[in-house]
Protein backbone atom coordinates (compact mmCIF):
# COMPACT_ATOMS: atom_id res chain seq x y z
CA MET A 1 119.76 92.30 134.77
CA ASN A 2 117.45 89.36 135.34
CA LEU A 3 114.37 88.68 133.22
CA ALA A 4 112.03 90.77 135.37
CA GLU A 5 114.38 93.75 135.20
CA HIS A 6 114.65 93.38 131.42
CA LEU A 7 110.86 93.40 131.12
CA LEU A 8 110.58 96.47 133.35
CA GLU A 9 113.20 98.27 131.27
CA LEU A 10 111.38 97.28 128.07
CA ARG A 11 108.11 98.59 129.47
CA ARG A 12 109.80 101.86 130.41
CA ARG A 13 111.14 102.36 126.90
CA VAL A 14 107.80 101.45 125.31
CA VAL A 15 105.94 103.89 127.58
CA HIS A 16 108.39 106.67 126.78
CA SER A 17 107.99 105.98 123.07
CA LEU A 18 104.18 105.99 123.25
CA ILE A 19 104.21 109.26 125.22
CA ALA A 20 106.45 110.86 122.59
CA ILE A 21 104.19 109.70 119.76
CA GLY A 22 101.12 110.89 121.65
CA LEU A 23 102.59 114.34 122.29
CA ALA A 24 103.64 114.71 118.66
CA PHE A 25 100.18 113.58 117.53
CA ALA A 26 98.51 116.13 119.83
CA VAL A 27 100.67 118.94 118.49
CA ILE A 28 100.19 118.03 114.82
CA PHE A 29 96.49 117.08 114.92
CA PRO A 30 95.09 120.66 114.85
CA PHE A 31 96.89 121.09 111.53
CA ALA A 32 95.75 117.76 110.04
CA ARG A 33 93.83 119.35 107.18
CA GLU A 34 96.65 121.70 106.29
CA LEU A 35 99.07 118.78 106.48
CA TYR A 36 97.05 116.80 103.93
CA ASP A 37 96.84 119.87 101.69
CA LEU A 38 100.63 120.03 101.83
CA LEU A 39 100.88 116.33 101.06
CA ALA A 40 98.69 116.82 98.00
CA GLN A 41 100.85 119.52 96.43
CA PRO A 42 103.22 117.21 94.48
CA ILE A 43 100.30 115.85 92.40
CA LEU A 44 98.04 118.89 92.32
CA ARG A 45 100.65 121.02 90.57
CA PHE A 46 100.48 118.68 87.58
CA MET A 47 96.72 118.13 87.59
CA PRO A 48 94.85 119.71 84.66
CA GLU A 49 91.95 122.06 85.27
CA GLY A 50 89.09 120.14 86.84
CA GLY A 51 91.32 117.39 88.24
CA GLY A 52 91.98 116.79 91.90
CA ILE A 53 91.80 114.43 94.86
CA ILE A 54 88.43 112.95 95.78
CA ALA A 55 86.98 110.93 98.67
CA THR A 56 85.11 107.77 97.70
CA GLU A 57 84.14 106.85 101.26
CA VAL A 58 81.91 108.87 103.60
CA ALA A 59 84.32 108.84 106.57
CA ALA A 60 87.49 109.32 104.50
CA PRO A 61 87.68 113.14 104.84
CA PHE A 62 87.79 112.66 108.62
CA LEU A 63 89.81 109.44 109.00
CA ILE A 64 92.53 109.97 106.39
CA PRO A 65 93.89 113.24 107.90
CA ILE A 66 93.98 111.46 111.29
CA MET A 67 95.95 108.59 109.75
CA LEU A 68 98.31 111.08 108.13
CA THR A 69 98.78 112.80 111.50
CA PHE A 70 99.78 109.49 113.06
CA TYR A 71 102.30 108.84 110.25
CA ALA A 72 103.69 112.34 110.70
CA ALA A 73 104.02 111.79 114.47
CA LEU A 74 106.00 108.60 113.81
CA PHE A 75 108.17 110.39 111.27
CA VAL A 76 108.95 113.27 113.64
CA THR A 77 109.64 111.10 116.69
CA MET A 78 111.68 108.44 114.87
CA PRO A 79 115.04 109.64 116.28
CA TYR A 80 113.65 109.50 119.82
CA LEU A 81 112.14 106.05 119.22
CA LEU A 82 115.46 104.74 117.95
CA LEU A 83 117.15 106.31 120.98
CA GLN A 84 114.84 104.30 123.25
CA ILE A 85 115.77 101.13 121.37
CA TRP A 86 119.45 102.01 121.76
CA ARG A 87 119.09 102.58 125.51
CA PHE A 88 117.43 99.19 125.85
CA ILE A 89 120.01 97.16 123.93
CA ALA A 90 123.19 99.15 124.74
CA PRO A 91 123.81 97.59 128.20
CA GLY A 92 124.00 94.15 126.57
CA LEU A 93 126.56 95.07 123.91
CA TYR A 94 130.31 94.49 124.00
CA ARG A 95 132.61 97.50 123.97
CA GLY A 96 133.51 96.94 120.32
CA GLU A 97 129.85 96.68 119.37
CA LYS A 98 129.03 99.92 121.17
CA LYS A 99 131.88 101.67 119.39
CA ILE A 100 130.38 100.98 115.98
CA ALA A 101 126.65 100.66 116.82
CA LEU A 102 126.01 104.24 117.93
CA PRO A 103 127.61 105.90 114.86
CA LEU A 104 125.72 103.49 112.61
CA LEU A 105 122.47 104.31 114.42
CA LEU A 106 122.97 108.05 114.01
CA SER A 107 123.96 107.60 110.37
CA SER A 108 120.91 105.45 109.67
CA ILE A 109 118.63 108.18 111.05
CA GLY A 110 120.19 110.83 108.84
CA LEU A 111 120.15 108.58 105.77
CA PHE A 112 116.48 107.69 106.27
CA TYR A 113 115.47 111.35 106.36
CA ALA A 114 117.72 112.05 103.38
CA GLY A 115 115.99 109.31 101.40
CA ALA A 116 112.52 110.58 102.29
CA THR A 117 113.56 114.13 101.39
CA PHE A 118 114.91 112.96 98.04
CA ALA A 119 111.62 111.16 97.34
CA TRP A 120 109.58 114.24 98.25
CA PHE A 121 111.47 116.85 96.27
CA VAL A 122 112.72 114.78 93.32
CA VAL A 123 110.89 111.49 92.86
CA LEU A 124 107.25 112.41 93.51
CA PRO A 125 107.20 115.47 91.20
CA GLY A 126 108.96 113.51 88.47
CA VAL A 127 106.61 110.52 88.76
CA PHE A 128 103.41 112.59 88.79
CA GLU A 129 104.52 114.77 85.89
CA PHE A 130 105.43 111.69 83.85
CA LEU A 131 102.20 109.80 84.62
CA LEU A 132 99.72 112.65 84.26
CA LYS A 133 101.03 114.05 80.99
CA PHE A 134 99.93 110.84 79.24
CA ALA A 135 96.28 111.28 80.26
CA PRO A 136 94.02 111.54 77.16
CA ASP A 137 92.31 114.88 76.59
CA THR A 138 88.93 113.25 77.22
CA VAL A 139 89.99 112.03 80.69
CA THR A 140 90.08 114.18 83.83
CA PRO A 141 92.71 112.72 86.20
CA MET A 142 91.49 112.23 89.77
CA THR A 143 92.64 110.02 92.63
CA ASP A 144 91.13 108.86 95.90
CA MET A 145 92.65 110.51 98.99
CA ASN A 146 93.23 107.16 100.72
CA HIS A 147 95.01 105.67 97.71
CA TYR A 148 97.07 108.81 97.32
CA LEU A 149 98.18 108.72 100.96
CA SER A 150 99.19 105.06 100.60
CA PHE A 151 101.08 105.80 97.38
CA VAL A 152 103.06 108.70 98.85
CA THR A 153 103.88 107.03 102.18
CA LYS A 154 105.00 103.89 100.36
CA LEU A 155 107.44 105.84 98.19
CA LEU A 156 108.75 107.84 101.16
CA LEU A 157 109.38 104.64 103.12
CA VAL A 158 110.94 102.85 100.15
CA PHE A 159 113.42 105.63 99.51
CA GLY A 160 114.03 106.15 103.22
CA PHE A 161 115.02 102.52 103.71
CA THR A 162 116.89 102.43 100.39
CA PHE A 163 119.24 105.11 101.65
CA GLU A 164 120.19 102.73 104.48
CA ILE A 165 122.22 100.62 102.02
CA PRO A 166 125.62 102.07 103.08
CA VAL A 167 124.85 101.20 106.70
CA ALA A 168 123.85 97.66 105.72
CA VAL A 169 127.07 97.23 103.71
CA LEU A 170 129.17 98.47 106.62
CA ILE A 171 127.47 96.12 109.07
CA LEU A 172 128.07 93.14 106.78
CA VAL A 173 131.73 94.02 106.25
CA LEU A 174 132.58 95.04 109.81
CA SER A 175 130.94 91.96 111.26
CA GLY A 176 132.94 89.73 108.93
CA VAL A 177 129.93 88.30 107.09
CA VAL A 178 131.33 89.39 103.73
CA SER A 179 134.50 91.08 102.52
CA VAL A 180 134.93 94.19 100.44
CA ALA A 181 136.60 92.11 97.73
CA ALA A 182 133.59 89.80 97.58
CA LEU A 183 131.21 92.73 97.26
CA LYS A 184 133.25 94.19 94.43
CA ASP A 185 133.31 90.83 92.70
CA LYS A 186 129.51 90.58 92.89
CA ARG A 187 128.96 94.19 91.78
CA ARG A 188 127.30 93.25 88.46
CA TYR A 189 124.74 91.08 90.27
CA VAL A 190 124.03 93.87 92.73
CA ILE A 191 123.36 96.31 89.88
CA VAL A 192 120.92 93.89 88.27
CA GLY A 193 119.29 93.36 91.66
CA CYS A 194 118.90 97.12 92.16
CA PHE A 195 116.99 97.48 88.90
CA PHE A 196 114.89 94.40 89.65
CA ILE A 197 113.91 95.67 93.11
CA ALA A 198 113.20 99.14 91.73
CA ALA A 199 110.94 97.66 89.06
CA VAL A 200 108.97 95.74 91.69
CA VAL A 201 108.48 98.37 94.41
CA THR A 202 108.00 101.51 92.31
CA PRO A 203 105.04 102.54 90.12
CA PRO A 204 104.95 101.11 86.58
CA ASP A 205 106.98 103.85 84.94
CA GLY A 206 110.60 104.19 83.93
CA VAL A 207 111.22 107.45 85.77
CA SER A 208 110.60 106.17 89.30
CA MET A 209 112.46 102.95 88.55
CA LEU A 210 115.58 104.84 87.45
CA LEU A 211 115.30 107.30 90.35
CA LEU A 212 115.40 104.36 92.76
CA ALA A 213 117.76 101.94 91.01
CA ILE A 214 120.56 104.43 90.31
CA PRO A 215 120.71 105.79 93.91
CA MET A 216 120.64 102.20 95.23
CA TRP A 217 123.68 101.35 93.10
CA LEU A 218 125.52 104.56 94.04
CA LEU A 219 124.79 104.05 97.75
CA PHE A 220 126.11 100.51 97.47
CA GLU A 221 129.33 101.92 96.02
CA VAL A 222 129.50 104.46 98.86
CA GLY A 223 129.16 101.65 101.38
CA ILE A 224 131.99 99.73 99.73
CA LEU A 225 134.18 102.84 99.68
CA ILE A 226 133.66 103.57 103.37
CA ALA A 227 134.05 99.91 104.36
CA SER A 228 137.34 99.70 102.46
CA LEU A 229 138.70 102.56 104.58
CA LEU A 230 137.88 100.80 107.85
CA LYS A 231 139.32 97.74 109.50
CA ALA A 232 137.15 94.62 109.29
CA PRO A 233 135.97 92.62 111.00
CA ILE A 234 135.70 94.51 114.27
CA LYS A 235 136.65 93.09 117.64
CA LEU A 236 133.46 92.59 119.62
CA GLU A 237 134.85 92.01 123.11
């Protein structure tokens, strides 16, 4: 395709993506309040009597559920959005690249949702229980609804992308950028790096740091194991 055809194809994929997000938003929006109530459950279950989530801005009770609805629409339509990206770039790939790119794309989708699910059911309850139990008896824990939404979405994204480590390892090995032997040799540095990254991106508590660093290390090992079973580098033509 020439440049004009590429631009038309890009516009088509962008329009399809925006329509999908818009439809998902329209379906979810009537349940925006209930969706935020669901989002609040991981912290509310550990709040003492009298604690809760508050709004410190006048428009927050209206705007924050809308923002959450948009995030939820992105989360739901992510597989379709990635499919549109695949359909745009696939015609320009070599046969060898197509052979490995589509399985990696599908795996990355599943791993992202697995990471977000792990954060929701394991990390968030553990973090909130750990943090709130240290509140003095004279303090009633409360949090702003905007800050809470940012905190939760950040952790969901961090763990979602963290679970992509096996895919990243496979891409590096299969493309010939690094060998399995080199990754094994640098394992101790990777472990230190996992704990350093976890300490930076997670809240200032040991629980969330361990819950991120240990899975990062294990996923790195999974990536090495899978890469060692495959031929590398791949033939692109």
